[in-house]
Amino acid sequence: MDSATPPQPDHIPLPRWIAPVLLLTAIGLLPWTLYLTYTLPSRHVTSHYDLAWVGFDIGLTVAFASTAWCAVRSSQWLVPAAAVTGTMLLCDAWFDVITSGGASERFEALLEAAFAELPLASICALIVYDAERFRQATVVRYSGTMRRMRGREADN
């Protein structure tokens, strides 16, 4: 490295107020969660339950597609996309299991969590944890596909 070039930081500098805001939010959520624990009914029937799940699954589909696109393109957005997808998968597993009614529904939700949602969330976590190695492997694997895609874009 050239002596005139300053060393690059290995972290993103953030405004000083961000950490205290996040910490205060976490602290504020503790009494809120206790309040909800004692005041919310254990059963609640709601309109648009189906719309809530369909909307969530559309968002999850977009997150998967974005993560795949970022992986193929070796994009700098791969880590955030994988983090979002993994988090959504964990939420999906949690709410599927918790909101399932009856033993057979709960068993199905547990199977989906164990064999689909949690393994896929683990893959996303691996991408986030070791993004550079994942990016390198993806570039090698999809480099031919990318050349063909760029060739088609140039033709248009």
C-alpha atoms as a PDB file:
ATOM      1  CA  MET A   1       0.000   0.000   0.000  1.00  0.00           C
ATOM      2  CA  ASP A   2       1.247   3.467  -0.861  1.00  0.00           C
ATOM      3  CA  SER A   3       2.253   5.563   2.156  1.00  0.00           C
ATOM      4  CA  ALA A   4       0.192   8.489   0.801  1.00  0.00           C
ATOM      5  CA  THR A   5      -2.972   6.351   0.756  1.00  0.00           C
ATOM      6  CA  PRO A   6      -4.763   6.441   4.119  1.00  0.00           C
ATOM      7  CA  PRO A   7      -5.786   3.043   5.487  1.00  0.00           C
ATOM      8  CA  GLN A   8      -9.365   2.079   4.705  1.00  0.00           C
ATOM      9  CA  PRO A   9     -11.594   1.616   7.753  1.00  0.00           C
ATOM     10  CA  ASP A  10     -12.939  -1.892   8.269  1.00  0.00           C
ATOM     11  CA  HIS A  11     -16.247  -0.534   9.497  1.00  0.00           C
ATOM     12  CA  ILE A  12     -18.817   1.942   8.291  1.00  0.00           C
ATOM     13  CA  PRO A  13     -18.714   5.194  10.253  1.00  0.00           C
ATOM     14  CA  LEU A  14     -22.170   5.977  11.621  1.00  0.00           C
ATOM     15  CA  PRO A  15     -23.485   9.095  13.328  1.00  0.00           C
ATOM     16  CA  ARG A  16     -22.951   8.914  17.080  1.00  0.00           C
ATOM     17  CA  TRP A  17     -26.676   9.144  17.840  1.00  0.00           C
ATOM     18  CA  ILE A  18     -27.603   5.857  16.114  1.00  0.00           C
ATOM     19  CA  ALA A  19     -26.354   3.461  18.816  1.00  0.00           C
ATOM     20  CA  PRO A  20     -28.114   5.300  21.689  1.00  0.00           C
ATOM     21  CA  VAL A  21     -31.373   5.434  19.701  1.00  0.00           C
ATOM     22  CA  LEU A  22     -31.221   1.706  19.030  1.00  0.00           C
ATOM     23  CA  LEU A  23     -30.355   0.945  22.666  1.00  0.00           C
ATOM     24  CA  LEU A  24     -33.169   3.145  23.980  1.00  0.00           C
ATOM     25  CA  THR A  25     -35.584   1.446  21.579  1.00  0.00           C
ATOM     26  CA  ALA A  26     -34.523  -1.975  22.855  1.00  0.00           C
ATOM     27  CA  ILE A  27     -34.949  -0.800  26.460  1.00  0.00           C
ATOM     28  CA  GLY A  28     -38.347   0.709  25.626  1.00  0.00           C
ATOM     29  CA  LEU A  29     -39.500  -2.553  24.068  1.00  0.00           C
ATOM     30  CA  LEU A  30     -39.052  -4.422  27.370  1.00  0.00           C
ATOM     31  CA  PRO A  31     -41.967  -2.777  29.234  1.00  0.00           C
ATOM     32  CA  TRP A  32     -44.023  -2.720  26.022  1.00  0.00           C
ATOM     33  CA  THR A  33     -43.536  -6.472  25.637  1.00  0.00           C
ATOM     34  CA  LEU A  34     -44.517  -7.045  29.276  1.00  0.00           C
ATOM     35  CA  TYR A  35     -47.605  -4.892  28.775  1.00  0.00           C
ATOM     36  CA  LEU A  36     -48.597  -6.930  25.701  1.00  0.00           C
ATOM     37  CA  THR A  37     -47.915 -10.170  27.569  1.00  0.00           C
ATOM     38  CA  TYR A  38     -50.585  -9.323  30.129  1.00  0.00           C
ATOM     39  CA  THR A  39     -53.106  -7.436  27.998  1.00  0.00           C
ATOM     40  CA  LEU A  40     -53.342  -9.208  24.646  1.00  0.00           C
ATOM     41  CA  PRO A  41     -55.891 -12.001  24.330  1.00  0.00           C
ATOM     42  CA  SER A  42     -54.477 -15.447  23.578  1.00  0.00           C
ATOM     43  CA  ARG A  43     -56.998 -15.760  20.743  1.00  0.00           C
ATOM     44  CA  HIS A  44     -57.861 -13.079  18.206  1.00  0.00           C
ATOM     45  CA  VAL A  45     -59.871 -13.434  15.030  1.00  0.00           C
ATOM     46  CA  THR A  46     -59.117 -10.814  12.442  1.00  0.00           C
ATOM     47  CA  SER A  47     -60.190  -9.727   9.016  1.00  0.00           C
ATOM     48  CA  HIS A  48     -57.619  -9.907   6.226  1.00  0.00           C
ATOM     49  CA  TYR A  49     -55.587 -12.699   7.847  1.00  0.00           C
ATOM     50  CA  ASP A  50     -55.153 -14.171   4.380  1.00  0.00           C
ATOM     51  CA  LEU A  51     -54.038 -10.822   2.956  1.00  0.00           C
ATOM     52  CA  ALA A  52     -51.411 -10.481   5.693  1.00  0.00           C
ATOM     53  CA  TRP A  53     -49.866 -13.854   4.810  1.00  0.00           C
ATOM     54  CA  VAL A  54     -50.101 -13.341   1.051  1.00  0.00           C
ATOM     55  CA  GLY A  55     -48.457  -9.934   1.404  1.00  0.00           C
ATOM     56  CA  PHE A  56     -45.716 -11.390   3.565  1.00  0.00           C
ATOM     57  CA  ASP A  57     -45.094 -14.202   1.080  1.00  0.00           C
ATOM     58  CA  ILE A  58     -44.914 -11.705  -1.784  1.00  0.00           C
ATOM     59  CA  GLY A  59     -42.303  -9.795   0.201  1.00  0.00           C
ATOM     60  CA  LEU A  60     -40.431 -13.037   0.875  1.00  0.00           C
ATOM     61  CA  THR A  61     -40.520 -13.874  -2.834  1.00  0.00           C
ATOM     62  CA  VAL A  62     -39.068 -10.446  -3.659  1.00  0.00           C
ATOM     63  CA  ALA A  63     -36.380 -10.952  -0.998  1.00  0.00           C
ATOM     64  CA  PHE A  64     -35.424 -14.358  -2.452  1.00  0.00           C
ATOM     65  CA  ALA A  65     -35.334 -12.982  -5.988  1.00  0.00           C
ATOM     66  CA  SER A  66     -33.255  -9.986  -4.894  1.00  0.00           C
ATOM     67  CA  THR A  67     -30.792 -12.192  -3.044  1.00  0.00           C
ATOM     68  CA  ALA A  68     -30.475 -14.521  -6.033  1.00  0.00           C
ATOM     69  CA  TRP A  69     -30.000 -11.565  -8.386  1.00  0.00           C
ATOM     70  CA  CYS A  70     -27.341 -10.058  -6.106  1.00  0.00           C
ATOM     71  CA  ALA A  71     -25.573 -13.421  -5.919  1.00  0.00           C
ATOM     72  CA  VAL A  72     -25.521 -13.880  -9.677  1.00  0.00           C
ATOM     73  CA  ARG A  73     -24.389 -10.273 -10.252  1.00  0.00           C
ATOM     74  CA  SER A  74     -21.880 -10.412  -7.376  1.00  0.00           C
ATOM     75  CA  SER A  75     -23.500  -7.242  -6.107  1.00  0.00           C
ATOM     76  CA  GLN A  76     -22.436  -5.227  -3.105  1.00  0.00           C
ATOM     77  CA  TRP A  77     -26.071  -5.575  -1.972  1.00  0.00           C
ATOM     78  CA  LEU A  78     -25.742  -9.350  -1.478  1.00  0.00           C
ATOM     79  CA  VAL A  79     -25.153  -9.169   2.283  1.00  0.00           C
ATOM     80  CA  PRO A  80     -28.111  -6.882   3.047  1.00  0.00           C
ATOM     81  CA  ALA A  81     -30.387  -8.872   0.722  1.00  0.00           C
ATOM     82  CA  ALA A  82     -29.370 -12.183   2.332  1.00  0.00           C
ATOM     83  CA  ALA A  83     -29.833 -10.684   5.804  1.00  0.00           C
ATOM     84  CA  VAL A  84     -33.356  -9.528   4.933  1.00  0.00           C
ATOM     85  CA  THR A  85     -34.265 -12.890   3.376  1.00  0.00           C
ATOM     86  CA  GLY A  86     -32.899 -14.857   6.321  1.00  0.00           C
ATOM     87  CA  THR A  87     -34.711 -12.652   8.822  1.00  0.00           C
ATOM     88  CA  MET A  88     -37.978 -12.982   6.921  1.00  0.00           C
ATOM     89  CA  LEU A  89     -37.563 -16.767   6.852  1.00  0.00           C
ATOM     90  CA  LEU A  90     -37.094 -16.853  10.631  1.00  0.00           C
ATOM     91  CA  CYS A  91     -40.194 -14.692  11.083  1.00  0.00           C
ATOM     92  CA  ASP A  92     -42.138 -16.918   8.693  1.00  0.00           C
ATOM     93  CA  ALA A  93     -41.150 -20.055  10.617  1.00  0.00           C
ATOM     94  CA  TRP A  94     -42.002 -18.464  13.974  1.00  0.00           C
ATOM     95  CA  PHE A  95     -45.428 -17.194  12.974  1.00  0.00           C
ATOM     96  CA  ASP A  96     -46.317 -20.353  11.016  1.00  0.00           C
ATOM     97  CA  VAL A  97     -45.675 -22.475  14.102  1.00  0.00           C
ATOM     98  CA  ILE A  98     -47.195 -20.105  16.647  1.00  0.00           C
ATOM     99  CA  THR A  99     -50.374 -19.338  14.673  1.00  0.00           C
ATOM    100  CA  SER A 100     -51.021 -22.907  13.555  1.00  0.00           C
ATOM    101  CA  GLY A 101     -54.241 -24.400  14.879  1.00  0.00           C
ATOM    102  CA  GLY A 102     -54.459 -28.004  15.932  1.00  0.00           C
ATOM    103  CA  ALA A 103     -51.910 -30.791  16.071  1.00  0.00           C
ATOM    104  CA  SER A 104     -51.784 -31.560  12.343  1.00  0.00           C
ATOM    105  CA  GLU A 105     -51.338 -27.900  11.372  1.00  0.00           C
ATOM    106  CA  ARG A 106     -48.629 -27.461  14.000  1.00  0.00           C
ATOM    107  CA  PHE A 107     -46.855 -30.623  12.792  1.00  0.00           C
ATOM    108  CA  GLU A 108     -46.933 -29.350   9.201  1.00  0.00           C
ATOM    109  CA  ALA A 109     -45.593 -25.943  10.310  1.00  0.00           C
ATOM    110  CA  LEU A 110     -42.788 -27.625  12.274  1.00  0.00           C
ATOM    111  CA  LEU A 111     -41.851 -29.761   9.260  1.00  0.00           C
ATOM    112  CA  GLU A 112     -41.778 -26.687   7.006  1.00  0.00           C
ATOM    113  CA  ALA A 113     -39.642 -24.845   9.544  1.00  0.00           C
ATOM    114  CA  ALA A 114     -37.233 -27.753  10.019  1.00  0.00           C
ATOM    115  CA  PHE A 115     -36.827 -28.724   6.375  1.00  0.00           C
ATOM    116  CA  ALA A 116     -37.345 -25.474   4.464  1.00  0.00           C
ATOM    117  CA  GLU A 117     -37.387 -22.170   6.334  1.00  0.00           C
ATOM    118  CA  LEU A 118     -34.613 -22.749   8.878  1.00  0.00           C
ATOM    119  CA  PRO A 119     -32.168 -24.419   6.438  1.00  0.00           C
ATOM    120  CA  LEU A 120     -32.729 -21.605   3.927  1.00  0.00           C
ATOM    121  CA  ALA A 121     -32.252 -19.022   6.691  1.00  0.00           C
ATOM    122  CA  SER A 122     -28.993 -20.797   7.570  1.00  0.00           C
ATOM    123  CA  ILE A 123     -27.805 -20.473   3.971  1.00  0.00           C
ATOM    124  CA  CYS A 124     -28.594 -16.760   4.109  1.00  0.00           C
ATOM    125  CA  ALA A 125     -26.696 -16.495   7.412  1.00  0.00           C
ATOM    126  CA  LEU A 126     -23.718 -18.228   5.809  1.00  0.00           C
ATOM    127  CA  ILE A 127     -23.787 -15.713   2.953  1.00  0.00           C
ATOM    128  CA  VAL A 128     -23.838 -12.848   5.448  1.00  0.00           C
ATOM    129  CA  TYR A 129     -21.090 -14.408   7.556  1.00  0.00           C
ATOM    130  CA  ASP A 130     -18.758 -15.251   4.683  1.00  0.00           C
ATOM    131  CA  ALA A 131     -19.952 -13.015   1.851  1.00  0.00           C
ATOM    132  CA  GLU A 132     -16.579 -12.571   0.193  1.00  0.00           C
ATOM    133  CA  ARG A 133     -15.956 -16.302  -0.252  1.00  0.00           C
ATOM    134  CA  PHE A 134     -19.564 -16.793  -1.399  1.00  0.00           C
ATOM    135  CA  ARG A 135     -19.156 -13.954  -3.909  1.00  0.00           C
ATOM    136  CA  GLN A 136     -15.949 -15.505  -5.272  1.00  0.00           C
ATOM    137  CA  ALA A 137     -17.606 -18.923  -5.708  1.00  0.00           C
ATOM    138  CA  THR A 138     -20.649 -17.341  -7.341  1.00  0.00           C
ATOM    139  CA  VAL A 139     -18.563 -15.309  -9.768  1.00  0.00           C
ATOM    140  CA  VAL A 140     -16.767 -18.454 -10.914  1.00  0.00           C
ATOM    141  CA  ARG A 141     -20.002 -20.426 -11.194  1.00  0.00           C
ATOM    142  CA  TYR A 142     -22.073 -17.812 -13.009  1.00  0.00           C
ATOM    143  CA  SER A 143     -19.408 -15.970 -14.998  1.00  0.00           C
ATOM    144  CA  GLY A 144     -20.502 -17.605 -18.282  1.00  0.00           C
ATOM    145  CA  THR A 145     -24.147 -16.815 -17.591  1.00  0.00           C
ATOM    146  CA  MET A 146     -23.267 -13.206 -16.832  1.00  0.00           C
ATOM    147  CA  ARG A 147     -21.268 -12.834 -20.054  1.00  0.00           C
ATOM    148  CA  ARG A 148     -24.256 -14.130 -22.042  1.00  0.00           C
ATOM    149  CA  MET A 149     -26.654 -11.781 -20.196  1.00  0.00           C
ATOM    150  CA  ARG A 150     -24.401  -8.781 -20.787  1.00  0.00           C
ATOM    151  CA  GLY A 151     -24.088  -9.754 -24.452  1.00  0.00           C
ATOM    152  CA  ARG A 152     -27.882  -9.742 -24.786  1.00  0.00           C
ATOM    153  CA  GLU A 153     -28.119  -6.378 -23.027  1.00  0.00           C
ATOM    154  CA  ALA A 154     -25.558  -4.933 -25.451  1.00  0.00           C
ATOM    155  CA  ASP A 155     -27.548  -6.277 -28.422  1.00  0.00           C
ATOM    156  CA  ASN A 156     -30.707  -4.456 -27.234  1.00  0.00           C
END
